[in-house]
Amino acid sequence: MNVNQAALEDLLHRVVGDLGGAMSAALVVIGDRLGLYRTLAANGPLSARDLARQTGTAERYLREWLSNQAAGGYVSYDPETERFFMTPEQAAAFADDGGPAFLPGGFQLVTAVFKARPRIEEAFRTGEGLDWCDHDQALYDGTERFFRSSYVGHLVKDWLPALDGTVARLERGATVADVGCGHGASTVLMAKTFPRSHFAGFDYHHPSVEAAKKRAAAAGVADNTSFHVAESTEFPGRGYDLVCHFDCLHDMGDPLAAARHVREVIAPEGSWMIVEPRAGDRLEENLNPVGRVFYAASTMVCVPASLAHEGPALGAQAGEKRIRELTAEAGFTRFRRATETPFNAIFEVRP
């Protein structure tokens, strides 16, 4: 076997980067949970001793944590003063919970999939699924926090305005179904922006529905929101002006039945907004860093969730063509890509 030494060294460098990222995922979660990023962003530059005093943590652990974070570029280090600090960009990514670029929720997802690893390994042998409801709590918390950043950055500003006439209807007063709402991040954000409209969130995961109710009450939108435990194929109500599926249609056990139910309950001039991970229709179009993340999530979460209900397992990289065909089979006649981000494709579907 003839090995190209330069190619091997390039591969090893990439693997070392991956190992550093994987080993550091737990450290990001620790920094987030202990308030280390927030304190450093608000009060830096700080030494390890200063940060330990301000956060009530042990200096020796913080010295290693800070060194790891600086090596990864998540925090910054000044060798002249031997103090650590965060740039505005680092603070936006790691300290601004609720901002449009906040990332620690994604690292919570990583911890969740590691906990699911033994069961997914067995599923590789059996072909069986792992239901969404059977994961660790970190998956639900991390999903809300990770995807909420995209919603804060784009939902009201870009996605809803890209749908024909939808914002005007929401401003006048519309009825909206948010299917697969999880902890209600998208529902609450829309409810705060459009107080004349009513937003009903539906999810089959009972604890998430209860969490969504609490989020809505804390945000002051309990009067124009409601949350219900319901399957995507039979949630109640009729005449919805807007139906939303945020990053969930591809996970479902029966996405076609879910689409047919939307066709039954949507108003004649209503809009169905489908937000999906951005993907090309051909594998080679998705062989990039973003596609790598989505295929990993799909292997560990999305495909098992669908297979747990004997579904088609569309996967997180289903692509526009498959989503378009599914909506057509469900009886919809109009489909278009309304807008997109580097991570999501937003489709508008109409009867």
Foldseek 3Di string as FASTA:
>chain_A
DDDDVVVVVVVVVVVVVVVLVLVCLVLLVVCQVQVLLQCQAVDDQDALVRSCVVRVHDSVVSVVSQVSCCVVVLWHADVVVRTIHHDPVSCQQRPDQQALRDDSLVSLLSVFLVVCVVVLVVCVVVVFFDAPLRTDPSNLSSVCRHVLSNCNVDVVPPQQVLDPPRVVCLQQEFEEEEEQCFLPSNVLVSCVVRVRYAYEYEAQRVVRQVNNCVVNVVSVRNPRYYYDYDDLLDDDAAAGQEYEYAAPLLQAQESLSSLLSCVGGHHQNHKYKYKAWDAAQDPVRLPDPLSVVQQVCLSRGRQSNNSNNPHPNCGRRVHDVVVVVSNVVSPWDDKDQSDADNTITIMITHD
